[in-house]
Amino acid sequence: FTSTRESLETGFLFFQTAMDMLQGKELMNKSGNTILANHALKDKTVIAFYFSAHWCPPCRQFTPLLARAYAASRIKGQGGNVEVIFVSSDRTEDALLSYMKEAHGDWLAIPYDDPLAQTLSSKFGVRGIPALKVVGIDGSEISKDGREEVMSLGSAAFAQWEKLAPACIDVSTVKLLDDNPETVKKEAVEILIKLLSNVVRDPNNIKYRQVKLSNKKIEENLLSAAGAFEVLFSVGFEEDEDKLILPLNVSVTKVEKFLDAVKSLQS
C-alpha cells in the first residue's frame, strides 16, 4: 500500500497527462510563428500526436493522407474538436518547416529541439514512425494506432475519435458559492483562485496540492463558506488526516477549468 503523500513524492511524472505537459508550452505553425498551447487547444476535446519526419519514406506516404482526412473533418461533430500536433524527428529546423509546408495539414508542431518531443515519445512508447497517438484532454487513451484508423476510415476516424472524447468537465458546483453573503463569497473565491492558480502554475510543487485544514485563514474564510468543500472535492481533492490532497491522476486541465469557473464569479 502506498500513501497519497508517497505517491505525490515519487510518481508525479508517471501520472502527468499529455495535456499537462503542454501547459504553458509554445507550439509552432508552418511559418515558424509560435502560440501558447493553452490558447491553440482551447475548446478541443481530443489531441492526436503525430510522430513523423521527412527523412522517413513511410511518413512521406502517410502524411498527405492524414492532411486530407484532417481537412475534411474540420466541422464540429465530424472531428472538428480533434486537433493534431506534429512531434518531429527531423534533423534540422529547416527540414521540419519544409516538411510542414510541403505535406502537412494546417496544424501545429512541437518546436524543433524542444525536449518535450522526446518526453512525449517516451510517454507514448513510440518505437517507430509514423505513429499517431490519440488521447482525450483528460489524458485518457482513445487510440494507440491512429495511423491504421486513418488509413482505413479517412476523415471518419476523426469523427470516431470525437465521439469517444471524455465528457465535459462539470464545474456546476462552483455556483454553490453564490449562496453565501457577498463578503463571505468574495473571500472564499479569492482563496480558491490562489489555491488553484498555484497548482496550474507549478504542478510539480507538492505543497500546492495540499490544503491544511488547520490553517486559520482556510478554516475561517474558505471552509466556512457554503459550497467550498463541494468545489474542492469536485476538483478532485481528497481527505487525508488533517489536510486535503489533490491526487496525481487529477489533470491540470481539470484544475484549470475549475479555476476559470471560480474566476467568473468575480465579474
Protein backbone atom coordinates (compact mmCIF):
# COMPACT_ATOMS: atom_id res chain seq x y z
CA PHE A 1 0.00 0.00 0.00
CA THR A 2 1.33 3.43 -0.98
CA SER A 3 0.06 6.51 0.80
CA THR A 4 -1.18 9.56 -1.07
CA ARG A 5 1.80 11.51 0.24
CA GLU A 6 4.26 8.89 -1.04
CA SER A 7 2.55 8.88 -4.41
CA LEU A 8 2.87 12.64 -4.61
CA GLU A 9 6.56 12.49 -3.85
CA THR A 10 7.54 9.61 -6.14
CA GLY A 11 5.16 9.38 -9.04
CA PHE A 12 4.31 12.77 -10.46
CA LEU A 13 5.79 12.38 -13.94
CA PHE A 14 4.16 8.99 -14.45
CA PHE A 15 0.72 10.43 -13.87
CA GLN A 16 1.17 13.61 -15.91
CA THR A 17 -1.18 13.66 -18.88
CA ALA A 18 -0.03 14.83 -22.27
CA MET A 19 -2.19 17.92 -21.83
CA ASP A 20 -0.45 18.69 -18.55
CA MET A 21 2.87 18.50 -20.36
CA LEU A 22 1.62 21.11 -22.86
CA GLN A 23 0.61 23.62 -20.17
CA GLY A 24 2.47 26.89 -20.77
CA LYS A 25 4.32 25.42 -23.78
CA GLU A 26 4.55 27.03 -27.19
CA LEU A 27 3.52 25.35 -30.43
CA MET A 28 4.78 26.34 -33.88
CA ASN A 29 2.98 26.77 -37.20
CA LYS A 30 4.32 26.25 -40.73
CA SER A 31 5.75 29.77 -40.81
CA GLY A 32 7.74 29.25 -37.63
CA ASN A 33 5.49 31.50 -35.57
CA THR A 34 4.54 30.32 -32.09
CA ILE A 35 1.37 30.30 -29.99
CA LEU A 36 0.71 29.07 -26.48
CA ALA A 37 -0.69 25.55 -26.46
CA ASN A 38 -3.36 26.60 -23.91
CA HIS A 39 -4.76 29.08 -26.43
CA ALA A 40 -4.36 26.92 -29.52
CA LEU A 41 -6.09 23.94 -27.96
CA LYS A 42 -8.90 25.80 -26.22
CA ASP A 43 -12.24 24.00 -26.73
CA LYS A 44 -10.54 20.95 -28.27
CA THR A 45 -11.55 17.63 -26.72
CA VAL A 46 -9.09 15.24 -28.39
CA ILE A 47 -5.41 15.53 -29.32
CA ALA A 48 -3.71 13.35 -31.95
CA PHE A 49 0.07 13.43 -31.55
CA TYR A 50 1.70 12.75 -34.92
CA PHE A 51 5.24 11.37 -34.67
CA SER A 52 6.91 11.71 -38.04
CA ALA A 53 9.88 13.04 -40.05
CA HIS A 54 10.59 13.98 -43.66
CA TRP A 55 13.52 11.56 -43.96
CA CYS A 56 11.16 8.63 -43.27
CA PRO A 57 9.61 7.24 -46.53
CA PRO A 58 6.52 5.70 -44.84
CA CYS A 59 5.93 9.09 -43.18
CA ARG A 60 6.01 10.88 -46.52
CA GLN A 61 3.43 8.41 -47.82
CA PHE A 62 1.09 8.73 -44.84
CA THR A 63 1.28 12.48 -44.15
CA PRO A 64 -0.77 13.57 -47.21
CA LEU A 65 -3.47 11.04 -46.26
CA LEU A 66 -3.59 12.45 -42.74
CA ALA A 67 -3.69 16.02 -44.08
CA ARG A 68 -6.67 15.24 -46.35
CA ALA A 69 -8.55 13.49 -43.55
CA TYR A 70 -7.84 16.39 -41.21
CA ALA A 71 -9.07 18.99 -43.73
CA ALA A 72 -12.29 17.06 -44.37
CA SER A 73 -13.04 16.77 -40.65
CA ARG A 74 -12.94 20.44 -39.63
CA ILE A 75 -16.66 20.51 -38.76
CA LYS A 76 -17.94 20.02 -35.23
CA GLY A 77 -19.49 16.60 -34.94
CA GLN A 78 -17.32 15.28 -37.75
CA GLY A 79 -13.99 15.56 -35.97
CA GLY A 80 -13.57 19.32 -35.71
CA ASN A 81 -12.84 19.09 -31.99
CA VAL A 82 -9.86 16.83 -32.67
CA GLU A 83 -6.51 18.59 -33.08
CA VAL A 84 -3.28 17.19 -34.50
CA ILE A 85 0.11 18.11 -33.05
CA PHE A 86 3.22 17.22 -35.05
CA VAL A 87 6.06 15.75 -32.98
CA SER A 88 9.05 15.86 -35.31
CA SER A 89 12.09 13.63 -35.59
CA ASP A 90 13.56 15.82 -38.33
CA ARG A 91 17.27 16.54 -38.04
CA THR A 92 17.06 20.32 -38.53
CA GLU A 93 14.50 23.05 -38.02
CA ASP A 94 14.60 23.85 -41.75
CA ALA A 95 13.73 20.24 -42.54
CA LEU A 96 10.84 20.36 -40.06
CA LEU A 97 9.38 23.55 -41.53
CA SER A 98 9.94 22.42 -45.11
CA TYR A 99 8.13 19.16 -44.38
CA MET A 100 5.20 21.00 -42.80
CA LYS A 101 4.86 23.38 -45.74
CA GLU A 102 5.19 20.58 -48.27
CA ALA A 103 2.77 17.97 -46.96
CA HIS A 104 1.20 18.72 -43.59
CA GLY A 105 -2.28 19.90 -42.70
CA ASP A 106 -2.98 23.23 -41.04
CA TRP A 107 -1.94 22.01 -37.60
CA LEU A 108 0.81 22.96 -35.14
CA ALA A 109 4.07 21.33 -34.08
CA ILE A 110 6.30 20.99 -31.06
CA PRO A 111 9.16 23.44 -31.83
CA TYR A 112 12.42 21.94 -33.10
CA ASP A 113 14.83 20.75 -30.41
CA ASP A 114 12.24 21.15 -27.64
CA PRO A 115 12.85 18.34 -25.11
CA LEU A 116 9.08 17.92 -24.89
CA ALA A 117 9.23 15.95 -28.16
CA GLN A 118 11.35 13.23 -26.58
CA THR A 119 9.24 13.33 -23.41
CA LEU A 120 6.08 12.68 -25.44
CA SER A 121 7.77 9.96 -27.46
CA SER A 122 8.78 8.19 -24.25
CA LYS A 123 5.37 8.66 -22.66
CA PHE A 124 3.59 7.03 -25.61
CA GLY A 125 6.23 4.33 -26.07
CA VAL A 126 6.87 5.27 -29.70
CA ARG A 127 9.18 2.67 -31.25
CA GLY A 128 8.87 3.64 -34.90
CA ILE A 129 7.43 6.33 -37.16
CA PRO A 130 4.99 7.31 -38.46
CA ALA A 131 2.88 6.92 -35.34
CA LEU A 132 -0.38 8.63 -34.40
CA LYS A 133 -1.38 8.51 -30.72
CA VAL A 134 -4.84 9.83 -29.88
CA VAL A 135 -5.85 10.94 -26.38
CA GLY A 136 -8.62 12.87 -24.66
CA ILE A 137 -7.83 16.15 -22.95
CA ASP A 138 -8.04 14.32 -19.63
CA GLY A 139 -5.21 12.03 -20.73
CA SER A 140 -7.44 9.03 -21.45
CA GLU A 141 -6.28 6.87 -24.34
CA ILE A 142 -8.57 6.88 -27.37
CA SER A 143 -6.40 5.17 -29.98
CA LYS A 144 -2.95 3.58 -29.89
CA ASP A 145 -2.87 3.23 -33.66
CA GLY A 146 -4.49 6.28 -35.16
CA ARG A 147 -2.44 5.78 -38.31
CA GLU A 148 -4.19 2.49 -39.13
CA GLU A 149 -7.58 4.04 -38.43
CA VAL A 150 -6.92 6.99 -40.75
CA MET A 151 -5.73 4.64 -43.49
CA SER A 152 -8.91 2.56 -43.09
CA LEU A 153 -11.52 5.22 -42.38
CA GLY A 154 -10.12 8.51 -43.66
CA SER A 155 -11.81 11.55 -42.13
CA ALA A 156 -14.34 9.27 -40.42
CA ALA A 157 -11.55 8.36 -37.99
CA PHE A 158 -11.62 11.93 -36.68
CA ALA A 159 -15.39 11.76 -36.20
CA GLN A 160 -14.99 8.47 -34.35
CA TRP A 161 -12.34 9.90 -32.01
CA GLU A 162 -14.51 12.94 -31.31
CA LYS A 163 -17.39 10.66 -30.24
CA LEU A 164 -15.01 8.84 -27.88
CA ALA A 165 -13.85 12.09 -26.25
CA PRO A 166 -14.21 12.28 -22.46
CA ALA A 167 -17.29 14.02 -21.12
CA CYS A 168 -17.03 17.73 -20.50
CA ILE A 169 -15.80 18.66 -17.04
CA ASP A 170 -18.76 19.55 -14.81
CA VAL A 171 -17.95 22.72 -12.85
CA SER A 172 -21.52 23.41 -11.71
CA THR A 173 -20.63 23.03 -8.00
CA VAL A 174 -18.87 26.40 -8.26
CA LYS A 175 -22.31 28.03 -8.42
CA LEU A 176 -22.97 26.90 -4.83
CA LEU A 177 -20.68 29.72 -3.71
CA ASP A 178 -23.33 32.20 -4.88
CA ASP A 179 -25.48 31.18 -1.88
CA ASN A 180 -23.13 32.98 0.51
CA PRO A 181 -23.28 36.60 1.68
CA GLU A 182 -21.20 38.72 -0.69
CA THR A 183 -18.28 39.24 1.70
CA VAL A 184 -18.06 35.50 2.53
CA LYS A 185 -18.26 34.60 -1.14
CA LYS A 186 -15.57 37.16 -2.06
CA GLU A 187 -13.10 35.80 0.50
CA ALA A 188 -13.75 32.17 -0.46
CA VAL A 189 -13.38 32.93 -4.17
CA GLU A 190 -10.08 34.74 -3.63
CA ILE A 191 -8.64 31.78 -1.68
CA LEU A 192 -9.84 29.23 -4.22
CA ILE A 193 -8.30 31.25 -7.04
CA LYS A 194 -4.98 31.33 -5.21
CA LEU A 195 -5.05 27.60 -4.41
CA LEU A 196 -5.98 26.51 -7.94
CA SER A 197 -3.68 29.03 -9.64
CA ASN A 198 -0.73 27.63 -7.71
CA VAL A 199 -1.45 24.11 -8.98
CA VAL A 200 -1.82 25.29 -12.58
CA ARG A 201 1.33 27.41 -12.42
CA ASP A 202 3.54 24.84 -10.74
CA PRO A 203 2.00 21.34 -10.83
CA ASN A 204 5.32 19.74 -9.83
CA ASN A 205 5.28 21.50 -6.47
CA ILE A 206 3.81 19.05 -3.95
CA LYS A 207 2.91 21.70 -1.39
CA TYR A 208 0.43 23.28 -3.82
CA ARG A 209 -1.53 20.02 -3.98
CA GLN A 210 -2.21 20.15 -0.25
CA VAL A 211 -4.68 22.23 1.77
CA LYS A 212 -4.09 22.24 5.52
CA LEU A 213 -7.46 22.25 7.25
CA SER A 214 -5.89 23.67 10.42
CA ASN A 215 -4.75 26.81 8.63
CA LYS A 216 -6.68 29.65 10.27
CA LYS A 217 -7.40 31.50 7.03
CA ILE A 218 -8.55 28.32 5.29
CA GLU A 219 -10.75 27.37 8.23
CA GLU A 220 -12.35 30.78 8.78
CA ASN A 221 -12.53 32.26 5.27
CA LEU A 222 -12.85 29.26 2.98
CA LEU A 223 -14.33 26.21 4.66
CA SER A 224 -16.96 28.29 6.45
CA ALA A 225 -18.38 29.26 3.05
CA ALA A 226 -21.27 27.17 1.71
CA GLY A 227 -20.14 25.11 -1.26
CA ALA A 228 -16.40 25.43 -0.62
CA PHE A 229 -15.91 21.79 0.35
CA GLU A 230 -18.04 20.69 -2.60
CA VAL A 231 -15.87 22.69 -5.01
CA LEU A 232 -12.63 21.23 -3.63
CA PHE A 233 -13.99 17.68 -3.78
CA SER A 234 -15.29 18.26 -7.32
CA VAL A 235 -11.82 19.40 -8.39
CA GLY A 236 -10.53 16.10 -7.01
CA PHE A 237 -9.16 16.87 -3.54
CA GLU A 238 -9.39 14.02 -1.04
CA GLU A 239 -9.28 13.98 2.74
CA ASP A 240 -6.01 12.78 4.28
CA GLU A 241 -5.98 13.18 8.06
CA ASP A 242 -5.60 16.92 8.78
CA LYS A 243 -5.39 18.05 5.18
CA LEU A 244 -6.90 17.77 1.72
CA ILE A 245 -4.65 16.37 -1.00
CA LEU A 246 -5.06 16.57 -4.77
CA PRO A 247 -4.07 13.17 -6.24
CA LEU A 248 -1.68 12.93 -9.14
CA ASN A 249 -4.26 11.49 -11.51
CA VAL A 250 -6.18 14.79 -11.42
CA SER A 251 -5.02 16.65 -14.50
CA VAL A 252 -4.02 20.29 -14.65
CA THR A 253 -6.59 20.68 -17.42
CA LYS A 254 -9.37 19.86 -14.95
CA VAL A 255 -7.97 22.25 -12.33
CA GLU A 256 -7.76 25.00 -14.95
CA LYS A 257 -11.44 24.51 -15.87
CA PHE A 258 -12.47 24.97 -12.24
CA LEU A 259 -10.15 27.95 -11.90
CA ASP A 260 -11.85 29.67 -14.86
CA ALA A 261 -15.27 28.91 -13.36
CA VAL A 262 -14.31 30.36 -9.97
CA LYS A 263 -12.82 33.46 -11.61
CA SER A 264 -16.11 34.02 -13.42
CA LEU A 265 -17.76 34.65 -10.03
CA GLN A 266 -15.69 37.81 -9.68
CA SER A 267 -17.34 39.50 -12.64
